[in-house]
């Protein structure tokens, strides 16, 4: 079979990472693969022709902030759609970014272009009304959680469980000391990783409370080492937030290196999102926090279907790690939960061990040959009549 032309759209840093791994599988099956669309550094490293950068799709909130950038997003989607219709690809693969991708997929599919959506929107958590939009948009859905294909099948949507790509990238037994050596940290140091998000607006809303909490943790543990992996383009904003909390000289801001930070740390204070699953796969205690504009928060909460927001809690079906959201995400409350984990290292090590065992079981459940399974499913879509 001639190597196909695969158009893709991935939004933000996490989508770029996921799409890069999928490109590995596609290129293994089709060495002459051509791929193009919207992507980031991970995709470009695989030979992807990025017509626009994935960060263009980075928005924060439910409706309000999307509305503020609506004209730009709609213009980008219209230009991309016109370009793809002018030279139709063999298949379009939308990676996450459902607000952008599902509408584009529906338009392309209506014009005869086959479509695959990678990462099932969280219809099991909130916004269940999206299922009808998925049915119109996607010929096939690639699912990263094992319970999703049956749910989609009940709505007449073809789907394949491909595992979570991160479960194959992150080792089952992370090497804490190797990560510390790479970061120049002492083997005996007490390390807190602070991850306030990968979007400018997340830094604006979340970082002040996170850094204020880190300052309180430092009062209790003056020797704690604080590492902060940041998207390189947002390092100045992260540094400014640390400075405002009086921590500029007490934190180590990293250009990326989030996996090293998570592998090295004893606990992480982390914004809700894909990074929390990464922290779980690194078997690390965490405190999940999140803040957004109040209107966006009220709109989102009305659509929530489960009591949990953090992915580790959703997948475990219990509050295995604390979540402090919106008004509850005060510096004092965040610091108290971090300190509870740090003190458990000495006072209740069995608590830490039980969490590690639970996260190890989750890791095994999510670990599949995602790149191959996704490429096989995409190949079947491409070859179907």
Protein backbone atom coordinates (compact mmCIF):
# COMPACT_ATOMS: atom_id res chain seq x y z
CA UNK A 1 0.00 0.00 0.00
CA UNK A 2 1.29 3.47 -0.89
CA UNK A 3 2.20 5.52 2.16
CA UNK A 4 -0.76 7.74 3.04
CA UNK A 5 -0.88 11.47 3.61
CA UNK A 6 -2.01 11.96 7.20
CA UNK A 7 -3.28 15.33 8.36
CA UNK A 8 -3.20 15.90 12.10
CA UNK A 9 -4.10 18.55 14.64
CA UNK A 10 -2.70 18.41 18.17
CA UNK A 11 -3.38 21.09 20.73
CA UNK A 12 -0.93 22.18 23.42
CA UNK A 13 2.09 20.42 24.89
CA UNK A 14 0.29 17.24 25.99
CA UNK A 15 -1.38 16.73 22.60
CA UNK A 16 1.94 17.26 20.84
CA UNK A 17 3.52 14.54 22.97
CA UNK A 18 0.69 12.09 22.30
CA UNK A 19 0.69 12.82 18.57
CA UNK A 20 4.46 12.37 18.38
CA UNK A 21 4.15 8.88 19.77
CA UNK A 22 1.39 8.03 17.29
CA UNK A 23 3.59 9.29 14.45
CA UNK A 24 6.23 6.77 15.57
CA UNK A 25 3.75 3.96 14.96
CA UNK A 26 2.56 5.35 11.64
CA UNK A 27 6.11 5.85 10.36
CA UNK A 28 7.06 2.31 11.41
CA UNK A 29 4.18 1.03 9.26
CA UNK A 30 4.67 3.53 6.44
CA UNK A 31 8.29 4.81 6.27
CA UNK A 32 7.31 7.20 3.48
CA UNK A 33 4.50 8.76 5.50
CA UNK A 34 3.70 12.41 4.86
CA UNK A 35 2.09 14.27 7.76
CA UNK A 36 0.98 17.86 8.06
CA UNK A 37 -1.34 20.22 9.94
CA UNK A 38 -1.07 21.74 13.41
CA UNK A 39 1.61 20.40 15.75
CA UNK A 40 4.50 21.14 18.05
CA UNK A 41 8.11 20.22 18.67
CA UNK A 42 7.55 16.49 19.26
CA UNK A 43 5.68 16.15 15.98
CA UNK A 44 8.17 18.24 14.01
CA UNK A 45 10.95 15.99 15.30
CA UNK A 46 9.16 13.12 13.48
CA UNK A 47 9.13 15.02 10.18
CA UNK A 48 5.69 16.59 10.65
CA UNK A 49 5.02 19.66 8.49
CA UNK A 50 3.53 22.08 11.03
CA UNK A 51 1.52 24.70 9.18
CA UNK A 52 0.65 26.21 12.55
CA UNK A 53 2.11 25.56 16.00
CA UNK A 54 0.04 23.59 18.50
CA UNK A 55 0.31 26.34 21.12
CA UNK A 56 -2.06 28.38 18.97
CA UNK A 57 -4.86 26.18 20.32
CA UNK A 58 -3.93 26.60 23.99
CA UNK A 59 -6.90 28.07 25.83
CA UNK A 60 -7.89 27.90 29.49
CA UNK A 61 -11.35 27.69 30.93
CA UNK A 62 -14.73 26.49 29.79
CA UNK A 63 -16.36 29.11 27.56
CA UNK A 64 -15.24 32.61 28.49
CA UNK A 65 -11.60 32.47 27.45
CA UNK A 66 -12.45 30.47 24.34
CA UNK A 67 -14.93 33.22 23.43
CA UNK A 68 -12.24 35.87 23.89
CA UNK A 69 -10.12 34.12 21.25
CA UNK A 70 -12.97 32.78 19.17
CA UNK A 71 -12.23 34.82 16.04
CA UNK A 72 -8.60 33.64 15.91
CA UNK A 73 -9.51 29.98 16.50
CA UNK A 74 -12.29 30.01 13.90
CA UNK A 75 -10.04 31.70 11.35
CA UNK A 76 -7.32 29.08 11.88
CA UNK A 77 -9.82 26.24 11.58
CA UNK A 78 -11.35 27.70 8.43
CA UNK A 79 -7.94 28.14 6.78
CA UNK A 80 -6.92 24.61 7.72
CA UNK A 81 -10.19 23.14 6.45
CA UNK A 82 -9.85 24.93 3.11
CA UNK A 83 -6.28 23.74 2.72
CA UNK A 84 -7.22 20.13 3.49
CA UNK A 85 -10.23 20.15 1.17
CA UNK A 86 -8.05 21.55 -1.62
CA UNK A 87 -5.63 18.61 -1.25
CA UNK A 88 -7.48 15.88 0.68
CA UNK A 89 -5.36 13.67 2.94
CA UNK A 90 -5.84 9.91 3.20
CA UNK A 91 -7.10 10.40 6.75
CA UNK A 92 -7.40 13.18 9.28
CA UNK A 93 -6.38 12.43 12.87
CA UNK A 94 -7.53 14.91 15.49
CA UNK A 95 -5.50 14.57 18.69
CA UNK A 96 -7.40 15.78 21.74
CA UNK A 97 -8.44 19.51 21.49
CA UNK A 98 -12.08 18.41 21.02
CA UNK A 99 -13.54 21.92 20.86
CA UNK A 100 -11.37 22.58 17.82
CA UNK A 101 -11.10 19.12 16.29
CA UNK A 102 -14.60 17.65 16.46
CA UNK A 103 -16.15 20.43 14.40
CA UNK A 104 -13.33 20.23 11.87
CA UNK A 105 -13.63 16.43 11.68
CA UNK A 106 -17.38 16.65 11.08
CA UNK A 107 -16.83 19.05 8.18
CA UNK A 108 -14.10 16.91 6.64
CA UNK A 109 -16.05 13.69 7.09
CA UNK A 110 -19.10 15.23 5.41
CA UNK A 111 -16.85 15.91 2.40
CA UNK A 112 -15.65 12.31 2.21
CA UNK A 113 -12.38 12.52 4.18
CA UNK A 114 -11.94 9.71 6.70
CA UNK A 115 -11.47 10.86 10.26
CA UNK A 116 -10.01 9.44 13.45
CA UNK A 117 -10.20 11.10 16.84
CA UNK A 118 -7.46 10.22 19.32
CA UNK A 119 -8.34 10.58 23.00
CA UNK A 120 -12.02 10.12 23.68
CA UNK A 121 -13.49 13.31 25.15
CA UNK A 122 -14.34 12.77 28.80
CA UNK A 123 -18.04 12.12 28.23
CA UNK A 124 -17.92 9.81 31.27
CA UNK A 125 -16.81 12.72 33.46
CA UNK A 126 -18.63 15.77 32.13
CA UNK A 127 -20.34 17.15 29.00
CA UNK A 128 -22.05 13.85 28.11
CA UNK A 129 -23.91 15.72 25.35
CA UNK A 130 -20.69 15.60 23.31
CA UNK A 131 -21.42 12.00 22.33
CA UNK A 132 -23.63 13.09 19.43
CA UNK A 133 -20.91 15.41 18.16
CA UNK A 134 -18.39 12.54 18.32
CA UNK A 135 -20.73 10.30 16.32
CA UNK A 136 -20.96 12.91 13.54
CA UNK A 137 -17.26 13.70 13.58
CA UNK A 138 -15.30 10.47 13.79
CA UNK A 139 -15.15 7.30 11.73
CA UNK A 140 -13.14 5.81 14.57
CA UNK A 141 -12.05 6.83 18.07
CA UNK A 142 -8.76 5.76 19.65
CA UNK A 143 -9.28 5.39 23.41
CA UNK A 144 -6.63 5.70 26.09
CA UNK A 145 -8.71 4.24 28.93
CA UNK A 146 -10.00 0.63 28.90
CA UNK A 147 -13.64 1.34 29.75
CA UNK A 148 -14.21 3.82 26.90
CA UNK A 149 -14.75 1.57 23.80
CA UNK A 150 -17.77 -0.16 25.35
CA UNK A 151 -19.26 3.19 26.30
CA UNK A 152 -18.80 4.51 22.77
CA UNK A 153 -20.11 1.28 21.22
CA UNK A 154 -23.33 1.71 23.17
CA UNK A 155 -23.78 4.94 21.20
CA UNK A 156 -22.91 3.37 17.83
CA UNK A 157 -19.36 4.75 17.66
CA UNK A 158 -16.48 2.50 16.54
CA UNK A 159 -13.52 2.63 18.90
CA UNK A 160 -10.31 0.84 19.87
CA UNK A 161 -8.51 0.80 23.23
CA UNK A 162 -4.86 1.56 22.51
CA UNK A 163 -3.63 2.12 26.06
CA UNK A 164 -2.15 5.35 27.28
CA UNK A 165 1.09 6.28 25.46
CA UNK A 166 2.62 7.68 28.61
CA UNK A 167 2.39 4.28 30.31
CA UNK A 168 4.93 2.94 27.83
CA UNK A 169 7.19 5.97 28.02
CA UNK A 170 7.41 6.20 31.80
CA UNK A 171 9.24 3.26 33.43
CA UNK A 172 7.36 1.03 35.85
CA UNK A 173 10.09 1.66 38.42
CA UNK A 174 11.32 5.26 38.02
CA UNK A 175 14.98 5.91 38.84
CA UNK A 176 14.75 8.70 41.41
CA UNK A 177 18.49 9.02 41.94
CA UNK A 178 19.30 9.16 38.22
CA UNK A 179 16.76 11.96 37.81
CA UNK A 180 18.29 13.80 40.75
CA UNK A 181 21.74 13.51 39.23
CA UNK A 182 20.45 14.96 35.97
CA UNK A 183 18.93 17.88 37.86
CA UNK A 184 21.93 18.37 40.16
CA UNK A 185 19.94 17.52 43.30
CA UNK A 186 21.34 15.84 46.40
CA UNK A 187 20.47 12.14 46.77
CA UNK A 188 19.23 12.84 50.30
CA UNK A 189 17.35 16.06 49.59
CA UNK A 190 13.66 16.51 50.30
CA UNK A 191 12.25 17.55 46.91
CA UNK A 192 8.95 19.19 46.04
CA UNK A 193 7.99 19.52 42.38
CA UNK A 194 5.61 22.38 41.59
CA UNK A 195 3.75 22.11 38.27
CA UNK A 196 1.32 25.03 37.86
CA UNK A 197 0.36 24.23 34.26
CA UNK A 198 1.57 24.65 30.69
CA UNK A 199 -0.63 27.53 29.55
CA UNK A 200 -0.11 31.24 30.10
CA UNK A 201 -3.54 31.58 31.68
CA UNK A 202 -2.88 28.66 34.03
CA UNK A 203 0.28 30.37 35.23
CA UNK A 204 -1.76 33.50 35.81
CA UNK A 205 -4.55 31.79 37.76
CA UNK A 206 -2.77 28.89 39.48
CA UNK A 207 0.90 29.78 40.01
CA UNK A 208 0.35 32.48 42.68
CA UNK A 209 -1.45 30.08 45.02
CA UNK A 210 1.00 27.25 44.27
CA UNK A 211 4.07 29.37 45.02
CA UNK A 212 2.50 30.84 48.15
CA UNK A 213 1.83 27.26 49.28
CA UNK A 214 5.42 26.26 48.47
CA UNK A 215 6.62 29.16 50.64
CA UNK A 216 4.57 27.79 53.55
CA UNK A 217 6.00 24.31 52.98
CA UNK A 218 9.48 25.81 53.06
CA UNK A 219 8.74 27.39 56.44
CA UNK A 220 8.03 23.90 57.82
CA UNK A 221 10.90 22.24 55.92
CA UNK A 222 13.56 24.92 55.31
CA UNK A 223 15.85 22.47 53.50
CA UNK A 224 13.25 21.41 50.93
CA UNK A 225 14.38 21.71 47.32
CA UNK A 226 11.69 23.13 45.04
CA UNK A 227 11.87 22.36 41.33
CA UNK A 228 9.51 23.92 38.81
CA UNK A 229 9.42 22.51 35.26
CA UNK A 230 8.10 25.21 32.93
CA UNK A 231 7.27 25.48 29.27
CA UNK A 232 10.33 27.38 27.94
CA UNK A 233 8.20 30.17 26.49
CA UNK A 234 6.61 30.76 29.91
CA UNK A 235 9.73 30.79 32.08
CA UNK A 236 9.58 34.57 32.58
CA UNK A 237 5.96 34.37 33.76
CA UNK A 238 6.79 31.48 36.11
CA UNK A 239 9.79 33.34 37.50
CA UNK A 240 7.65 36.43 38.07
CA UNK A 241 5.10 34.38 40.04
CA UNK A 242 7.88 32.85 42.15
CA UNK A 243 9.31 36.30 42.80
CA UNK A 244 5.93 37.60 43.95
CA UNK A 245 5.83 34.80 46.55
CA UNK A 246 9.35 35.65 47.76
CA UNK A 247 10.74 32.42 46.31
CA UNK A 248 12.75 33.51 43.28
CA UNK A 249 16.08 32.46 44.77
CA UNK A 250 14.64 29.38 46.52
CA UNK A 251 13.19 27.55 43.50
CA UNK A 252 14.88 25.93 40.55
CA UNK A 253 12.97 26.71 37.38
CA UNK A 254 13.58 24.13 34.67
CA UNK A 255 13.11 24.51 30.93
CA UNK A 256 10.77 21.57 30.47
CA UNK A 257 12.16 18.43 32.17
CA UNK A 258 8.83 17.67 33.85
CA UNK A 259 9.53 13.93 33.80
CA UNK A 260 12.86 14.41 35.55
CA UNK A 261 11.17 16.64 38.12
CA UNK A 262 8.45 14.06 38.80
CA UNK A 263 10.93 11.20 38.95
CA UNK A 264 13.15 13.13 41.36
CA UNK A 265 10.54 14.49 43.76
CA UNK A 266 9.11 13.20 47.02
CA UNK A 267 5.80 14.96 46.38
CA UNK A 268 4.31 17.20 43.72
CA UNK A 269 1.90 20.11 43.87
CA UNK A 270 0.33 19.87 40.46
CA UNK A 271 -2.35 21.44 38.28
CA UNK A 272 -5.19 19.15 37.22
CA UNK A 273 -4.66 17.73 33.74
CA UNK A 274 -2.55 15.14 31.93
CA UNK A 275 0.41 15.93 34.18
CA UNK A 276 -1.43 14.36 37.13
CA UNK A 277 -1.54 11.04 35.27
CA UNK A 278 2.19 11.39 34.60
CA UNK A 279 2.74 11.92 38.33
CA UNK A 280 0.70 8.78 39.06
CA UNK A 281 2.77 6.77 36.56
CA UNK A 282 5.89 8.02 38.35
CA UNK A 283 4.21 6.68 41.55
CA UNK A 284 4.48 10.03 43.32
CA UNK A 285 2.28 11.43 46.09
CA UNK A 286 0.55 14.55 44.83
CA UNK A 287 -1.77 17.37 45.70
CA UNK A 288 -3.97 18.36 42.77
CA UNK A 289 -5.03 21.99 42.56
CA UNK A 290 -6.78 24.11 39.99
CA UNK A 291 -8.14 27.61 39.58
CA UNK A 292 -9.75 29.38 36.64
CA UNK A 293 -11.96 32.37 35.96
CA UNK A 294 -15.06 32.19 38.15
CA UNK A 295 -17.57 32.13 35.27
CA UNK A 296 -15.67 29.36 33.51
CA UNK A 297 -15.63 27.41 36.77
CA UNK A 298 -19.37 27.74 37.32
CA UNK A 299 -20.11 26.61 33.76
CA UNK A 300 -17.80 23.60 34.05
CA UNK A 301 -19.11 22.49 37.42
CA UNK A 302 -22.65 22.29 36.11
CA UNK A 303 -21.51 19.73 33.51
CA UNK A 304 -19.48 17.55 35.90
CA UNK A 305 -20.72 13.93 36.16
CA UNK A 306 -18.27 12.47 38.69
CA UNK A 307 -17.08 13.57 42.12
CA UNK A 308 -13.45 13.59 40.96
CA UNK A 309 -11.59 15.93 38.63
CA UNK A 310 -8.02 14.60 38.83
CA UNK A 311 -7.27 11.73 36.45
CA UNK A 312 -5.63 9.51 39.10
CA UNK A 313 -8.77 9.73 41.24
CA UNK A 314 -11.10 9.17 38.27
CA UNK A 315 -9.19 6.07 37.16
CA UNK A 316 -8.97 4.68 40.69
CA UNK A 317 -12.59 5.55 41.43
CA UNK A 318 -11.68 7.13 44.76
CA UNK A 319 -9.97 10.14 46.28
CA UNK A 320 -6.56 8.48 46.48
CA UNK A 321 -4.90 11.92 46.36
CA UNK A 322 -6.38 15.25 47.51
CA UNK A 323 -8.02 17.67 45.11
CA UNK A 324 -8.32 21.35 45.99
CA UNK A 325 -10.20 23.28 43.34
CA UNK A 326 -11.09 26.92 42.81
CA UNK A 327 -11.91 28.62 46.15
CA UNK A 328 -10.66 25.57 48.07
CA UNK A 329 -7.21 25.93 46.45
CA UNK A 330 -5.88 28.38 49.01
CA UNK A 331 -2.15 28.48 49.79
CA UNK A 332 -2.82 27.30 53.34
CA UNK A 333 -4.94 24.32 52.27
CA UNK A 334 -2.54 23.31 49.49
CA UNK A 335 0.45 23.54 51.84
CA UNK A 336 -1.32 21.50 54.52
CA UNK A 337 -1.91 18.63 52.09
CA UNK A 338 1.66 18.73 50.79
CA UNK A 339 2.97 18.68 54.36
CA UNK A 340 0.75 15.69 55.13
CA UNK A 341 2.48 13.71 52.38
CA UNK A 342 5.96 14.87 53.33
CA UNK A 343 5.45 13.96 56.98
CA UNK A 344 4.00 10.58 56.00
CA UNK A 345 7.45 9.65 54.66
CA UNK A 346 8.67 9.40 58.25
CA UNK A 347 5.48 8.88 60.25
CA UNK A 348 3.43 6.61 57.99
CA UNK A 349 5.54 5.04 55.22
CA UNK A 350 2.87 2.38 54.66
CA UNK A 351 0.57 5.15 53.39
CA UNK A 352 3.11 6.02 50.71
CA UNK A 353 3.67 2.35 49.87
CA UNK A 354 -0.08 1.74 49.45
CA UNK A 355 -0.34 4.68 47.04
CA UNK A 356 2.66 3.41 45.05
CA UNK A 357 1.07 -0.04 44.78
CA UNK A 358 -2.20 1.44 43.55
CA UNK A 359 -0.42 3.53 40.94
CA UNK A 360 1.66 0.52 39.84
CA UNK A 361 -1.53 -1.47 39.21
CA UNK A 362 -2.90 1.46 37.22
CA UNK A 363 0.33 1.61 35.20
CA UNK A 364 0.00 -2.06 34.22
CA UNK A 365 -3.61 -1.52 33.15
CA UNK A 366 -2.71 1.40 30.89
CA UNK A 367 0.46 -0.08 29.38
CA UNK A 368 -0.08 -1.25 25.81
CA UNK A 369 1.83 -0.95 22.53
CA UNK A 370 -0.06 2.26 21.83
CA UNK A 371 1.86 3.32 18.75
CA UNK A 372 1.31 -0.03 16.98
CA UNK A 373 -2.32 -0.42 18.04
CA UNK A 374 -3.14 3.12 16.95
CA UNK A 375 -1.35 2.69 13.62
CA UNK A 376 -3.21 -0.59 13.00
CA UNK A 377 -6.56 1.05 13.70
CA UNK A 378 -5.73 4.03 11.47
CA UNK A 379 -4.59 1.66 8.69
CA UNK A 380 -7.97 -0.11 8.82
CA UNK A 381 -9.76 3.23 8.52
CA UNK A 382 -7.58 4.25 5.58
CA UNK A 383 -8.15 0.96 3.75
CA UNK A 384 -11.90 0.73 4.45
CA UNK A 385 -14.32 1.48 1.64
